[in-house]
Protein backbone atom coordinates (compact mmCIF):
# COMPACT_ATOMS: atom_id res chain seq x y z
CA MET A 1 29.66 54.28 -19.81
CA ALA A 2 29.19 52.14 -17.21
CA GLU A 3 31.18 48.83 -17.06
CA ASP A 4 27.92 46.29 -16.94
CA GLU A 5 27.19 48.09 -20.77
CA LYS A 6 30.59 47.32 -22.15
CA ASN A 7 30.47 43.35 -21.32
CA PRO A 8 28.24 41.17 -23.39
CA ALA A 9 25.23 40.13 -21.48
CA ARG A 10 26.55 36.16 -21.58
CA GLU A 11 29.39 37.51 -19.45
CA ILE A 12 27.19 39.73 -17.08
CA ILE A 13 25.01 36.52 -16.11
CA ALA A 14 28.04 34.01 -15.86
CA ASP A 15 30.06 36.71 -13.71
CA TYR A 16 26.86 37.09 -11.50
CA ALA A 17 26.13 33.29 -11.29
CA GLN A 18 29.92 31.94 -10.09
CA ALA A 19 29.70 34.97 -7.79
CA HIS A 20 26.46 33.84 -6.15
CA PHE A 21 26.32 29.91 -6.57
CA ARG A 22 28.46 26.95 -6.34
CA TYR A 23 28.43 24.87 -9.62
CA PHE A 24 29.29 20.92 -9.52
CA ARG A 25 28.59 17.66 -11.41
CA THR A 26 27.44 14.35 -9.55
CA ALA A 27 28.36 10.78 -10.98
CA ASP A 28 25.76 10.51 -13.75
CA GLY A 29 27.63 14.30 -15.12
CA THR A 30 24.46 16.28 -14.12
CA VAL A 31 25.86 19.64 -13.45
CA TYR A 32 23.84 21.07 -10.40
CA ALA A 33 23.89 24.90 -8.85
CA GLN A 34 23.62 25.46 -5.36
CA ARG A 35 23.28 29.30 -3.93
CA ASN A 36 26.22 30.20 -1.32
CA GLY A 37 25.46 29.37 2.19
CA HIS A 38 22.15 27.01 1.69
CA PRO A 39 22.13 23.28 1.14
CA VAL A 40 19.46 22.63 -1.75
CA ALA A 41 21.13 22.38 -5.19
CA ARG A 42 19.06 22.45 -8.48
CA PRO A 43 20.05 20.97 -11.93
CA ILE A 44 20.88 23.88 -14.07
CA ARG A 45 19.03 22.33 -17.10
CA SER A 46 15.98 21.96 -15.01
CA GLN A 47 13.02 23.44 -17.05
CA GLY A 48 10.47 23.26 -14.17
CA THR A 49 7.51 25.71 -14.19
CA THR A 50 8.72 26.71 -10.51
CA GLY A 51 11.99 26.70 -8.78
CA SER A 52 14.42 26.18 -11.62
CA HIS A 53 17.85 27.78 -11.42
CA ARG A 54 16.97 29.80 -14.71
CA GLN A 55 14.29 31.62 -12.88
CA GLU A 56 16.78 31.71 -9.69
CA LEU A 57 19.16 33.70 -11.67
CA LEU A 58 16.75 35.79 -13.75
CA VAL A 59 15.32 36.93 -10.11
CA GLY A 60 18.66 37.51 -8.91
CA LEU A 61 19.87 39.57 -11.38
CA TYR A 62 16.24 41.62 -11.69
CA LYS A 63 16.53 42.41 -7.78
CA ASP A 64 20.06 43.32 -7.82
CA GLY A 65 19.69 45.59 -10.48
CA ARG A 66 21.68 43.92 -13.19
CA GLY A 67 18.84 44.06 -15.47
CA VAL A 68 16.65 41.72 -17.50
CA PHE A 69 18.06 39.58 -19.95
CA ASN A 70 17.05 37.75 -23.06
CA GLY A 71 16.64 33.60 -23.43
CA THR A 72 19.81 33.82 -25.78
CA ALA A 73 22.21 35.70 -23.28
CA MET A 74 21.13 32.84 -20.64
CA LYS A 75 21.74 30.07 -22.52
CA GLU A 76 24.82 31.03 -23.81
CA ALA A 77 25.96 31.87 -19.96
CA LEU A 78 24.76 28.32 -18.66
CA ASP A 79 26.62 26.66 -21.73
CA LEU A 80 29.52 28.19 -20.48
CA ILE A 81 28.99 27.37 -16.69
CA GLU A 82 27.86 23.61 -17.56
CA ALA A 83 31.60 23.55 -19.33
CA LEU A 84 33.24 24.88 -16.47
CA ALA A 85 31.26 22.48 -13.93
CA LEU A 86 32.86 19.70 -15.63
CA SER A 87 35.92 20.01 -14.22
CA GLU A 88 34.78 20.23 -10.73
CA PRO A 89 35.02 17.49 -8.14
CA VAL A 90 31.78 15.35 -8.03
CA ARG A 91 29.66 15.58 -5.16
CA ALA A 92 26.18 13.54 -4.56
CA VAL A 93 22.98 15.16 -4.25
CA HIS A 94 20.54 13.59 -1.99
CA ILE A 95 16.28 13.74 -1.54
CA ARG A 96 14.93 13.53 1.71
CA VAL A 97 17.32 11.71 3.54
CA ALA A 98 21.27 11.70 3.35
CA PRO A 99 24.51 10.79 5.33
CA GLY A 100 26.31 13.17 7.19
CA PHE A 101 29.77 13.56 8.94
CA ASP A 102 30.64 11.48 12.16
CA GLY A 103 27.93 8.87 11.85
CA ALA A 104 24.97 11.23 11.56
CA THR A 105 22.12 11.19 9.17
CA TRP A 106 19.96 14.35 8.03
CA LEU A 107 16.28 14.39 7.21
CA ASP A 108 14.94 17.24 4.58
CA LEU A 109 12.07 18.77 6.18
CA GLY A 110 11.26 20.51 2.73
CA ARG A 111 11.50 24.00 3.82
CA THR A 112 12.31 26.82 1.83
CA ASP A 113 15.19 27.95 4.68
CA GLY A 114 16.90 24.58 4.70
CA MET A 115 16.01 23.71 8.00
CA SER A 116 16.64 20.15 8.50
CA VAL A 117 16.93 17.33 11.40
CA ARG A 118 20.64 16.00 12.10
CA ILE A 119 20.13 12.59 13.53
CA HIS A 120 23.49 11.72 15.51
CA PRO A 121 24.48 8.99 18.18
CA THR A 122 23.60 11.05 21.00
CA GLY A 123 20.47 12.16 20.08
CA TRP A 124 19.01 14.70 17.10
CA ASP A 125 18.50 18.47 16.70
CA ILE A 126 17.39 20.68 14.08
CA ALA A 127 19.41 22.84 12.08
CA VAL A 128 20.58 24.16 8.54
CA PRO A 129 23.04 21.52 7.07
CA ASP A 130 26.60 22.73 5.83
CA PRO A 131 26.36 22.88 1.97
CA GLY A 132 29.73 21.04 2.45
CA GLU A 133 27.96 17.95 4.28
CA VAL A 134 24.73 17.79 2.44
CA CYS A 135 23.30 18.86 -0.73
CA TRP A 136 19.42 18.10 -1.26
CA ARG A 137 17.64 17.75 -4.31
CA ARG A 138 14.00 18.93 -4.37
CA THR A 139 11.35 17.91 -6.81
CA GLN A 140 7.38 18.95 -7.21
CA LEU A 141 6.90 15.56 -4.94
CA THR A 142 8.95 17.00 -1.88
CA GLY A 143 6.71 18.05 0.53
CA GLU A 144 7.28 20.41 3.87
CA LEU A 145 7.42 18.55 7.32
CA PRO A 146 6.49 20.21 10.55
CA LEU A 147 9.20 20.99 12.97
CA PRO A 148 9.21 17.79 15.01
CA ALA A 149 8.43 18.08 18.73
CA LYS A 150 10.84 17.54 21.84
CA ASP A 151 10.80 15.34 24.75
CA THR A 152 7.63 13.50 23.42
CA ASP A 153 8.20 10.73 26.01
CA GLY A 154 7.22 8.02 23.04
CA LYS A 155 3.65 9.11 23.03
CA GLY A 156 3.92 10.17 19.33
CA ILE A 157 4.20 6.37 18.28
CA ASP A 158 0.68 5.87 20.49
CA LEU A 159 -1.41 8.42 18.87
CA LEU A 160 -0.31 7.28 15.44
CA PHE A 161 -1.54 3.76 16.10
CA ARG A 162 -4.70 4.70 17.73
CA LEU A 163 -5.77 6.19 14.18
CA CYS A 164 -4.24 3.39 12.38
CA ASN A 165 -6.44 -0.02 12.48
CA PHE A 166 -3.32 -2.38 12.54
CA ALA A 167 -4.97 -5.67 13.61
CA SER A 168 -2.33 -6.91 15.75
CA ALA A 169 0.73 -6.01 17.80
CA SER A 170 3.29 -7.66 15.40
CA SER A 171 1.73 -5.32 12.47
CA GLU A 172 2.67 -2.36 14.60
CA CYS A 173 6.27 -3.13 15.60
CA LEU A 174 6.98 -4.09 11.94
CA ALA A 175 5.29 -0.55 10.99
CA MET A 176 7.86 1.08 13.56
CA ALA A 177 10.81 -0.87 12.43
CA TRP A 178 10.19 0.12 8.73
CA LEU A 179 9.72 4.02 9.52
CA VAL A 180 13.16 3.81 11.48
CA GLY A 181 14.76 2.20 8.21
CA CYS A 182 13.23 4.58 6.09
CA LEU A 183 15.38 7.44 7.93
CA GLY A 184 18.78 5.46 7.13
CA PRO A 185 20.12 6.12 3.67
CA SER A 186 22.19 3.07 3.63
CA VAL A 187 19.50 0.89 5.22
CA PRO A 188 17.43 -1.27 2.41
CA VAL A 189 13.95 -2.02 4.05
CA PRO A 190 11.38 -4.39 2.64
CA ALA A 191 8.44 -3.01 1.12
CA PRO A 192 5.14 -3.05 3.92
CA PHE A 193 2.10 -4.52 2.47
CA LEU A 194 -0.81 -3.40 3.73
CA THR A 195 -3.93 -6.00 3.36
CA GLY A 196 -7.07 -6.40 5.15
CA PRO A 197 -10.74 -6.67 4.25
CA GLN A 198 -12.58 -3.95 2.52
CA GLY A 199 -13.15 -0.82 4.66
CA ALA A 200 -10.34 -1.67 6.77
CA GLY A 201 -8.83 1.62 5.92
CA LYS A 202 -5.30 0.41 4.19
CA SER A 203 -5.02 3.31 1.81
CA THR A 204 -5.39 5.83 4.92
CA ALA A 205 -2.80 3.79 6.91
CA GLY A 206 -0.49 4.03 4.15
CA ARG A 207 -1.21 7.96 3.87
CA MET A 208 -0.32 8.39 7.65
CA LEU A 209 2.98 6.07 7.44
CA MET A 210 4.52 7.90 4.17
CA ARG A 211 3.64 11.44 5.52
CA ILE A 212 5.60 10.97 8.47
CA ILE A 213 8.75 11.22 6.41
CA GLU A 214 7.12 12.74 2.95
CA GLY A 215 4.82 15.62 4.59
CA MET A 216 1.41 16.20 4.33
CA SER A 217 1.47 16.83 0.63
CA GLY A 218 2.35 12.99 0.02
CA ASP A 219 0.10 10.65 -1.26
CA LEU A 220 -0.37 7.15 -2.62
CA ARG A 221 -0.65 6.91 -6.75
CA ARG A 222 -1.87 4.13 -8.94
CA ALA A 223 0.69 1.75 -10.10
CA PRO A 224 2.28 2.87 -13.35
CA LYS A 225 1.78 0.66 -16.63
CA ASP A 226 5.08 0.05 -17.09
CA GLU A 227 8.32 -0.23 -15.63
CA GLU A 228 10.03 3.60 -17.30
CA ASN A 229 6.87 5.35 -15.76
CA LEU A 230 7.60 3.36 -12.54
CA LEU A 231 11.41 4.23 -12.05
CA ALA A 232 10.64 7.91 -13.27
CA ALA A 233 8.20 8.51 -9.98
CA VAL A 234 10.59 6.82 -7.70
CA ALA A 235 13.78 8.90 -8.72
CA ALA A 236 11.54 11.87 -8.12
CA GLY A 237 10.65 10.94 -4.39
CA TRP A 238 12.11 9.27 -1.36
CA ILE A 239 8.91 6.99 -0.50
CA THR A 240 7.06 5.45 -3.38
CA ALA A 241 3.55 4.27 -2.29
CA LEU A 242 1.20 2.44 -4.81
CA ASP A 243 -2.52 2.25 -3.80
CA ASN A 244 -5.09 -0.89 -4.34
CA LEU A 245 -2.84 -3.08 -6.19
CA SER A 246 -4.74 -6.18 -7.55
CA HIS A 247 -2.16 -7.29 -10.04
CA MET A 248 1.53 -7.67 -10.55
CA THR A 249 3.18 -8.46 -13.72
CA PRO A 250 6.41 -10.40 -13.52
CA ASP A 251 8.22 -7.13 -14.99
CA MET A 252 6.72 -5.03 -12.68
CA SER A 253 7.39 -7.42 -9.41
CA ASP A 254 10.90 -7.50 -10.81
CA ALA A 255 11.07 -3.62 -10.86
CA MET A 256 9.96 -3.58 -7.45
CA CYS A 257 12.56 -5.95 -6.37
CA CYS A 258 15.08 -3.78 -7.85
CA ILE A 259 13.69 -0.31 -6.47
CA VAL A 260 14.16 -2.24 -2.61
CA THR A 261 17.42 -3.64 -2.81
CA GLY A 262 18.63 -1.15 -5.50
CA ALA A 263 19.38 -1.33 -9.12
CA GLU A 264 20.76 1.24 -11.85
CA ASN A 265 19.00 1.78 -15.02
CA VAL A 266 20.88 2.99 -18.14
CA LYS A 267 18.89 4.87 -20.88
CA ARG A 268 19.73 6.71 -23.98
CA ALA A 269 20.12 10.64 -23.70
CA LEU A 270 17.42 12.36 -25.92
CA PHE A 271 18.60 13.67 -29.01
CA THR A 272 21.67 12.00 -29.10
CA ASP A 273 22.88 8.89 -30.81
CA GLY A 274 25.51 7.22 -28.56
CA ASP A 275 25.29 9.28 -25.14
CA VAL A 276 23.97 7.75 -22.00
CA PHE A 277 22.62 8.51 -18.62
CA ARG A 278 22.76 6.45 -15.54
CA VAL A 279 19.98 6.62 -12.84
CA GLY A 280 20.84 4.74 -9.61
CA TYR A 281 18.22 4.46 -7.22
CA ARG A 282 16.93 2.40 -3.95
CA ARG A 283 14.01 3.83 -2.20
CA PRO A 284 11.56 2.92 0.16
CA LEU A 285 8.29 1.01 -1.11
CA LEU A 286 4.75 1.02 0.29
CA LEU A 287 2.20 -1.00 -1.37
CA THR A 288 -1.54 -1.29 -0.05
CA GLY A 289 -4.12 -3.94 -1.59
CA ILE A 290 -6.70 -6.78 -0.71
CA ASP A 291 -5.02 -9.01 -2.95
CA VAL A 292 -2.13 -9.06 -5.32
CA GLY A 293 -2.51 -12.89 -6.48
CA VAL A 294 0.46 -14.67 -7.01
CA ILE A 295 3.64 -13.44 -5.27
CA ARG A 296 6.96 -14.27 -6.84
CA PRO A 297 9.55 -15.89 -4.41
CA ASP A 298 12.31 -13.09 -4.77
CA LEU A 299 9.50 -10.21 -4.14
CA ALA A 300 8.15 -11.92 -1.30
CA GLU A 301 11.35 -12.08 0.63
CA ARG A 302 11.15 -8.15 0.03
CA LEU A 303 7.92 -7.62 1.46
CA LEU A 304 6.50 -6.85 4.97
CA PRO A 305 2.87 -7.71 5.56
CA LEU A 306 1.20 -5.57 7.75
CA ARG A 307 -2.67 -6.47 8.33
CA LEU A 308 -5.43 -4.27 8.91
CA GLU A 309 -8.99 -4.57 10.38
CA ARG A 310 -12.12 -2.99 10.03
CA PRO A 311 -12.61 -0.11 12.87
CA ALA A 312 -15.54 -0.20 14.95
CA GLY A 313 -16.39 3.22 14.37
CA ARG A 314 -16.12 5.33 11.08
CA ARG A 315 -15.07 9.66 11.21
CA THR A 316 -15.06 11.84 8.61
CA GLU A 317 -11.70 12.37 6.31
CA ALA A 318 -11.88 15.95 7.43
CA GLU A 319 -11.85 14.89 11.18
CA LEU A 320 -9.32 12.35 10.76
CA TRP A 321 -6.56 14.14 8.91
CA ALA A 322 -7.04 17.41 10.81
CA GLU A 323 -6.32 15.18 14.34
CA TYR A 324 -3.33 13.80 12.39
CA ALA A 325 -1.73 17.15 11.00
CA ASP A 326 -2.22 18.22 14.64
CA VAL A 327 0.04 15.35 16.13
CA LEU A 328 2.10 14.70 13.17
CA PRO A 329 4.89 17.03 14.78
CA VAL A 330 4.75 14.80 17.78
CA VAL A 331 4.84 11.64 15.86
CA LEU A 332 7.77 12.90 13.80
CA GLY A 333 9.69 13.85 17.26
CA SER A 334 8.89 10.36 18.67
CA LEU A 335 9.97 8.42 15.75
CA LEU A 336 13.31 10.34 15.89
CA ASP A 337 13.57 9.36 19.44
CA LEU A 338 13.27 5.97 18.86
CA THR A 339 15.31 5.82 16.08
CA VAL A 340 18.30 7.42 18.12
CA LYS A 341 17.69 4.26 20.39
CA VAL A 342 17.67 1.67 17.96
CA ARG A 343 20.87 2.82 16.61
CA ALA A 344 22.75 3.00 19.53
CA ALA A 345 21.60 -0.82 20.78
CA GLU A 346 24.00 -3.39 20.22
CA ALA A 347 22.53 -6.48 18.66
CA GLU A 348 23.85 -9.23 16.47
CA THR A 349 22.98 -9.35 12.81
CA PRO A 350 20.72 -12.31 11.81
CA THR A 351 22.90 -14.37 9.21
CA ASP A 352 19.46 -16.56 7.68
CA LEU A 353 17.71 -14.00 6.48
CA ARG A 354 17.80 -12.30 2.66
CA MET A 355 17.32 -8.78 4.02
CA ALA A 356 20.02 -8.88 6.81
CA ASP A 357 20.45 -5.04 7.20
CA PHE A 358 16.48 -4.82 8.22
CA ALA A 359 16.88 -8.19 10.11
CA HIS A 360 19.50 -6.32 12.35
CA LEU A 361 17.25 -3.23 12.72
CA CYS A 362 14.52 -5.41 13.96
CA ALA A 363 17.02 -6.95 16.62
CA GLN A 364 17.97 -3.59 17.54
CA LEU A 365 14.33 -2.47 18.12
CA ASP A 366 14.20 -5.19 20.27
CA VAL A 367 16.69 -4.55 22.23
CA ALA A 368 15.86 -0.99 22.23
CA THR A 369 11.98 -1.75 23.21
CA GLY A 370 11.55 -5.38 23.99
CA LEU A 371 8.72 -5.52 21.45
CA GLY A 372 9.77 -8.67 19.72
CA ALA A 373 10.10 -7.18 15.97
CA LEU A 374 12.60 -9.92 14.87
CA ALA A 375 10.14 -12.79 15.64
CA ALA A 376 7.37 -11.01 13.95
CA TYR A 377 9.63 -10.41 10.88
CA ARG A 378 10.44 -13.89 10.89
CA ALA A 379 6.76 -15.03 11.07
CA SER A 380 5.89 -12.76 8.48
CA LEU A 381 8.15 -14.23 6.10
CA ASP A 382 7.03 -17.48 6.91
CA ASP A 383 3.27 -16.55 6.03
CA LEU A 384 4.52 -14.96 2.85
CA ASN A 385 6.23 -18.56 1.95
CA ASP A 386 2.63 -20.09 2.51
CA ASP A 387 1.33 -17.63 -0.19
CA VAL A 388 4.06 -18.22 -2.47
CA ILE A 389 3.23 -22.45 -2.18
CA GLU A 390 -0.37 -21.90 -2.27
CA GLY A 391 0.05 -19.86 -5.50
CA ASP A 392 2.79 -22.20 -7.11
CA LEU A 393 1.43 -25.71 -8.11
CA LEU A 394 5.10 -26.62 -9.09
CA ALA A 395 6.21 -25.48 -5.37
CA GLN A 396 3.32 -27.77 -4.05
CA THR A 397 4.52 -30.65 -6.27
CA VAL A 398 8.12 -30.57 -5.51
CA LEU A 399 7.08 -30.80 -1.56
CA GLN A 400 4.96 -33.49 -2.13
CA HIS A 401 7.78 -35.70 -3.92
CA ALA A 402 9.98 -34.64 -0.89
CA GLU A 403 8.08 -36.31 1.39
CA THR A 404 8.99 -39.59 -0.37
CA ILE A 405 12.62 -39.01 0.24
CA THR A 406 14.36 -40.01 3.26
CA PRO A 407 15.87 -37.35 5.86
CA GLY A 408 19.38 -37.07 5.54
CA THR A 409 19.66 -38.57 1.81
CA ALA A 410 19.63 -36.84 -1.59
CA GLN A 411 18.15 -37.50 -4.99
CA ARG A 412 20.11 -37.00 -8.02
CA MET A 413 18.59 -36.34 -11.73
CA THR A 414 19.17 -34.39 -14.67
CA SER A 415 16.51 -31.74 -15.08
CA THR A 416 14.70 -33.38 -17.87
CA GLU A 417 14.25 -36.21 -15.58
CA TRP A 418 13.00 -34.25 -13.00
CA LEU A 419 10.15 -32.74 -15.36
CA ALA A 420 9.27 -36.30 -16.12
CA CYS A 421 9.07 -36.99 -12.38
CA LEU A 422 7.32 -34.02 -11.17
CA SER A 423 5.09 -34.43 -14.13
CA ARG A 424 3.88 -38.14 -12.81
CA VAL A 425 3.76 -36.89 -9.37
CA TYR A 426 1.22 -34.02 -10.42
CA SER A 427 -0.83 -36.28 -12.86
CA GLY A 428 -1.11 -39.08 -10.26
CA ASP A 429 -3.13 -41.94 -10.75
CA GLU A 430 -5.97 -39.62 -12.08
CA LEU A 431 -3.87 -38.99 -15.22
CA ARG A 432 -4.70 -35.14 -14.79
CA ALA A 433 -3.73 -32.60 -17.86
CA LEU A 434 -0.81 -30.45 -16.65
CA PRO A 435 -1.96 -26.59 -15.92
CA LYS A 436 -1.42 -24.17 -18.00
CA GLY A 437 2.54 -22.65 -17.05
CA TRP A 438 4.11 -25.93 -16.51
CA PRO A 439 7.40 -26.17 -17.16
CA THR A 440 7.67 -27.78 -21.02
CA THR A 441 11.36 -28.19 -20.84
CA GLY A 442 14.12 -29.14 -18.31
CA LYS A 443 15.80 -26.07 -18.63
CA VAL A 444 12.42 -23.87 -17.74
CA LEU A 445 12.05 -26.34 -14.81
CA SER A 446 15.60 -25.82 -13.90
CA ASP A 447 15.23 -21.86 -13.75
CA ARG A 448 12.04 -22.14 -11.84
CA LEU A 449 13.34 -24.21 -9.28
CA LYS A 450 16.36 -21.89 -8.79
CA ARG A 451 13.82 -19.12 -7.88
CA LEU A 452 12.00 -21.54 -5.91
CA GLN A 453 15.05 -22.32 -4.03
CA PRO A 454 14.55 -19.84 -0.87
CA THR A 455 11.21 -20.47 -0.50
CA LEU A 456 11.65 -24.59 -0.47
CA ALA A 457 14.48 -23.88 1.96
CA ALA A 458 12.11 -22.59 4.44
CA ARG A 459 10.22 -26.15 4.23
CA GLN A 460 13.60 -28.25 4.80
CA VAL A 461 13.59 -28.76 1.19
CA LEU A 462 17.12 -27.99 -0.79
CA ILE A 463 17.29 -27.92 -4.26
CA GLU A 464 21.16 -27.85 -5.94
CA ALA A 465 22.28 -27.89 -9.35
CA GLY A 466 26.14 -29.42 -9.72
CA ARG A 467 27.96 -30.84 -12.96
CA THR A 468 29.67 -34.32 -13.62
CA LYS A 469 31.25 -35.65 -16.40
CA GLU A 470 27.96 -37.22 -17.78
CA GLY A 471 26.53 -33.69 -17.60
CA ARG A 472 24.24 -31.38 -15.21
CA TYR A 473 22.15 -32.14 -12.56
CA LEU A 474 19.68 -31.13 -9.95
CA GLU A 475 20.09 -33.00 -6.56
CA MET A 476 16.85 -32.52 -3.82
CA THR A 477 17.79 -33.12 -0.40
CA ARG A 478 15.89 -33.52 2.86
CA PRO A 479 18.24 -32.53 5.73
CA ALA A 480 18.20 -34.91 8.43
CA PRO A 481 16.77 -33.32 11.72
CA THR A 482 18.95 -32.25 14.28
CA PRO A 483 18.82 -34.74 17.51
CA PRO A 484 18.15 -32.66 20.87
CA HIS A 485 21.03 -32.22 23.02
CA GLU A 486 21.31 -34.66 25.63
CA GLN A 487 20.34 -33.49 28.91
CA PRO A 488 23.28 -33.74 31.39
CA PRO A 489 22.69 -36.69 34.15
CA LEU A 490 21.02 -35.66 37.44
CA PRO A 491 23.32 -35.14 40.11
C-alpha cells in the first residue's frame, strides 16, 4: 500500500501545504498563505471565485500527482493550518505600494510573475521582491501595470498633460505632486477634486491619473450610499476614485477625512457574539464633479482642487485611450524618475499647514523642478477657505462681527452670549429671520466655531475656548498687524 494511502486526506493536504507555502497572520488576526519564493499572499479563508488559496492547493495537489480531495478533507486541513499559523510571527501585507528595506519603497505591477518596481534613494529598478521584505495582497481591483520605460528624460509628464485638459500650470504641478505622493506608503496626500465646466473631461482626466498607478483596468466609481460600502471599496484597492459627485452628506464627508489621513474601523465578526475584526486604512482618494455644495472645513483642508477646461477639439474614446495605453509605460517611467529626484531633494517642512507631509513633498518638488508647487498648494487652500465661507452663513457673520474688534484686542463672552450677539449681527436692522441650520444653543454654537477655527484663522480671526472660576468662555481675537521691519539707514 502506498504511503499516501495510509494517511488521512487531511494530513496529505496539510503536509503538502506546509511544504509549498508559508503561513502567517497579520495584526488583525487574518491568516495568509504565501507560496515559497513568491511575493503574493492570499487569505486562506478567501472564497473568491478566482485565485483563492483553496484553489491553489487543489491545483497543486492535482498537478503533483497527489490526487483530488473532497471539501471535508480540505476544510479540516485548512482548520489545522490556520490554528498553527496563529503562533507564527505577525507580518504585514500591502496593496500596490509598500515600504522596503534601506529606505526603499515598492510598487506592485500586478503581474503573475510578481515583478515589481523598487524605488530607492539612487534610482529605481524592476525586480521580484524578496518575500521576506514585501508581501503583496491582491484583490479583483488590482490591475496589471506595464513595465515602465527607462531613460524617458521626463517626456512622459508632458505626454500625460497633453491628454488632459488642466486649466493652469498650477493644477498640473499639484497633480504631479499628488502622483508622487501616491507612491509613498507613509505619506497621507489630499484628495484631488477635479472640477470644471460640463464637458471639460473631468472623468477622463480622473481615469488617466489613477490608471498610472492602478493599471488600465482601474476605473471611477459612483459614490456608495453609505459609509460601510465606501470603506469596503477602499480596503480592496489603493486609489479610490469617485465620479460625478453632486452632494456630500456630513457622514460621507467625515468618512472621506478618515480615508485621507487614516483611521481604523472595528466591526463584529460575522456569525459570532463577541469577536471583532479590525480594518485599518489610509488611501489616496480622487473625486470628480462640477460642484458638491457646501464643503465642511475639515474636508476642505484635505482636498486638492484641480481645475480643467473644455478642450478646443474632441477625439473619440477609442483614439484617446489607444494613445494613452501606448504612452503609459513612458508616463510611469517619468513619474518614477521624478519620484527619485523629489525624495532626494532637501527642503524644510512648512509648519503652518495641516497636511504637513504633502506640503513638505511640494517643497521638495519645488527644489527638484522649480515649479512652485507649494505656492500653488497654499493658493488652492485659500480658494477652498473662500468656498467654505461662501457656503456657511455663520462663518460670514463671524467675519462681519470681527471687523468691529480692534486689531490686537480680544472679545470674551460665554457661548450663549456669543449666540445672542451673532444672531443680532445676522438679523441686523431688518430683523431677518434666522436661517435654517443656525445654532440653537450655546453648545451647538461652540461646536460649530471649533469646526470653523482653521477657516477663520486663515482670515485672521482667532477663536479660543477657555474656563475661569465663573465658567467657560469663547474668545475672539484679531491679531495686530505685524509692523514692517525698519529699513537700515543709507550710508
